[in-house]
Protein backbone atom coordinates (compact mmCIF):
# COMPACT_ATOMS: atom_id res chain seq x y z
CA MET A 1 -26.29 -18.86 82.79
CA ASP A 2 -22.74 -17.57 82.73
CA SER A 3 -22.82 -16.71 85.81
CA PHE A 4 -23.75 -17.50 89.17
CA ALA A 5 -25.51 -15.81 91.96
CA LEU A 6 -24.15 -14.57 95.59
CA LYS A 7 -26.76 -14.28 97.93
CA ALA A 8 -24.72 -11.56 100.17
CA PHE A 9 -25.74 -8.99 102.62
CA THR A 10 -24.12 -6.30 105.20
CA SER A 11 -26.13 -5.47 108.79
CA HIS A 12 -27.87 -2.77 108.68
CA ALA A 13 -28.15 -0.18 112.12
CA GLY A 14 -26.43 -3.53 114.61
CA SER A 15 -29.67 -5.96 112.49
CA CYS A 16 -28.66 -8.90 111.31
CA ASP A 17 -32.09 -9.08 110.28
CA PRO A 18 -31.98 -9.78 106.39
CA GLU A 19 -35.29 -7.09 105.63
CA ASP A 20 -32.97 -4.39 107.45
CA ALA A 21 -29.91 -5.03 105.74
CA ILE A 22 -28.32 -4.11 102.52
CA HIS A 23 -28.15 -6.33 99.15
CA LEU A 24 -25.00 -6.41 97.58
CA PRO A 25 -24.80 -8.29 93.89
CA GLN A 26 -22.62 -8.91 91.39
CA LEU A 27 -23.01 -7.13 88.91
CA LEU A 28 -20.18 -8.35 85.38
CA PRO A 29 -20.94 -6.93 82.42
CA PRO A 30 -20.07 -9.48 79.79
CA ASN A 31 -17.15 -7.67 77.19
CA GLY A 32 -18.45 -4.04 78.15
CA GLN A 33 -21.99 -4.44 77.44
CA THR A 34 -25.06 -3.18 79.56
CA ARG A 35 -25.37 -3.52 83.27
CA LYS A 36 -28.24 -5.66 84.08
CA LEU A 37 -29.22 -6.85 87.32
CA SER A 38 -30.84 -10.08 87.49
CA ILE A 39 -33.06 -11.35 90.45
CA LEU A 40 -34.40 -14.98 90.44
CA VAL A 41 -37.68 -15.44 92.39
CA ASN A 42 -39.54 -18.47 93.67
CA SER A 43 -43.09 -17.19 92.54
CA SER A 44 -44.84 -20.77 92.95
CA GLY A 45 -45.97 -19.14 89.94
CA ARG A 46 -47.28 -16.32 90.19
CA TYR A 47 -47.26 -13.14 88.07
CA THR A 48 -44.08 -11.38 89.16
CA SER A 49 -42.97 -7.86 88.54
CA MET A 50 -40.38 -5.80 89.86
CA GLN A 51 -39.57 -1.83 90.94
CA ILE A 52 -36.59 -0.29 91.28
CA HIS A 53 -37.57 3.05 93.10
CA GLY A 54 -38.76 5.59 91.04
CA MET A 55 -39.21 3.95 87.77
CA LYS A 56 -42.18 1.68 86.40
CA LYS A 57 -42.94 -2.15 87.15
CA ILE A 58 -41.17 -4.47 84.83
CA PRO A 59 -42.36 -7.84 84.65
CA CYS A 60 -40.63 -10.88 85.16
CA SER A 61 -40.16 -13.74 83.10
CA ASN A 62 -40.37 -17.77 82.95
CA VAL A 63 -36.66 -19.40 83.84
CA SER A 64 -36.41 -21.54 80.53
CA HIS A 65 -33.12 -23.12 81.07
CA GLY A 66 -31.62 -25.12 83.96
CA ALA A 67 -33.77 -27.23 86.49
CA ARG A 68 -36.59 -25.00 88.24
CA ILE A 69 -36.39 -26.31 91.84
CA ALA A 70 -36.44 -23.22 93.66
CA TYR A 71 -36.82 -20.50 91.41
CA ASP A 72 -39.16 -20.29 88.87
CA LYS A 73 -38.88 -16.06 87.82
CA GLN A 74 -36.37 -13.84 86.51
CA CYS A 75 -36.64 -10.38 86.61
CA VAL A 76 -33.93 -8.15 85.17
CA ALA A 77 -33.71 -4.21 85.09
CA ASP A 78 -31.04 -2.16 82.55
CA LEU A 79 -29.09 -0.35 85.39
CA SER A 80 -27.65 2.38 83.02
CA ASP A 81 -29.95 5.08 84.20
CA ILE A 82 -29.60 3.88 88.15
CA PRO A 83 -27.10 6.33 89.91
CA PRO A 84 -24.49 4.46 92.03
CA GLY A 85 -25.85 3.94 95.75
CA THR A 86 -28.54 2.33 98.07
CA THR A 87 -31.73 1.64 96.34
CA ASP A 88 -34.85 0.20 97.51
CA ILE A 89 -35.97 -2.90 94.72
CA LEU A 90 -39.69 -4.42 95.21
CA ILE A 91 -40.40 -7.91 93.63
CA THR A 92 -43.93 -8.35 94.15
CA LEU A 93 -45.89 -11.77 93.24
CA ASP A 94 -50.09 -11.65 92.26
CA ASP A 95 -52.13 -14.35 92.41
CA ASP A 96 -55.22 -12.12 91.48
CA PHE A 97 -56.58 -12.63 94.63
CA ARG A 98 -53.87 -10.10 96.12
CA GLU A 99 -50.44 -9.39 96.13
CA GLU A 100 -46.98 -9.89 98.03
CA THR A 101 -44.69 -7.18 98.09
CA THR A 102 -40.87 -7.65 99.25
CA ARG A 103 -38.72 -4.75 100.04
CA LEU A 104 -35.18 -5.64 99.45
CA LYS A 105 -32.45 -2.77 99.54
CA VAL A 106 -29.56 -3.27 97.29
CA MET A 107 -26.11 -1.65 96.79
CA ILE A 108 -25.22 -0.38 93.11
CA PRO A 109 -22.17 -0.55 92.67
CA PRO A 110 -20.33 2.87 89.74
CA PRO A 111 -19.71 1.27 86.39
CA GLY A 112 -16.51 -0.22 86.49
CA LEU A 113 -16.35 -1.46 90.07
């Protein structure tokens, strides 16, 4: 991989609870290419999908390189059509018995920032 991940969030409404936090991703498009958001997930082998507010679910793929000690799925979204600002992202894990969904609030910066 030619990038790194930073787990950063800011408190919301005076709460330090990560469930209410606004996550701040690092977006560094190589050579002016399309901005993409990549989220690594510890799925424990379950089917995993990502949904950005108002869009269809995007299937996540297996991590194919490096040590998979903590994260085994990678969810990648093209941010070209996502307006800047805070948006909800849903990560869904499905083991064919039930679905488990986690909501993240993510700050999408404007292009060029």
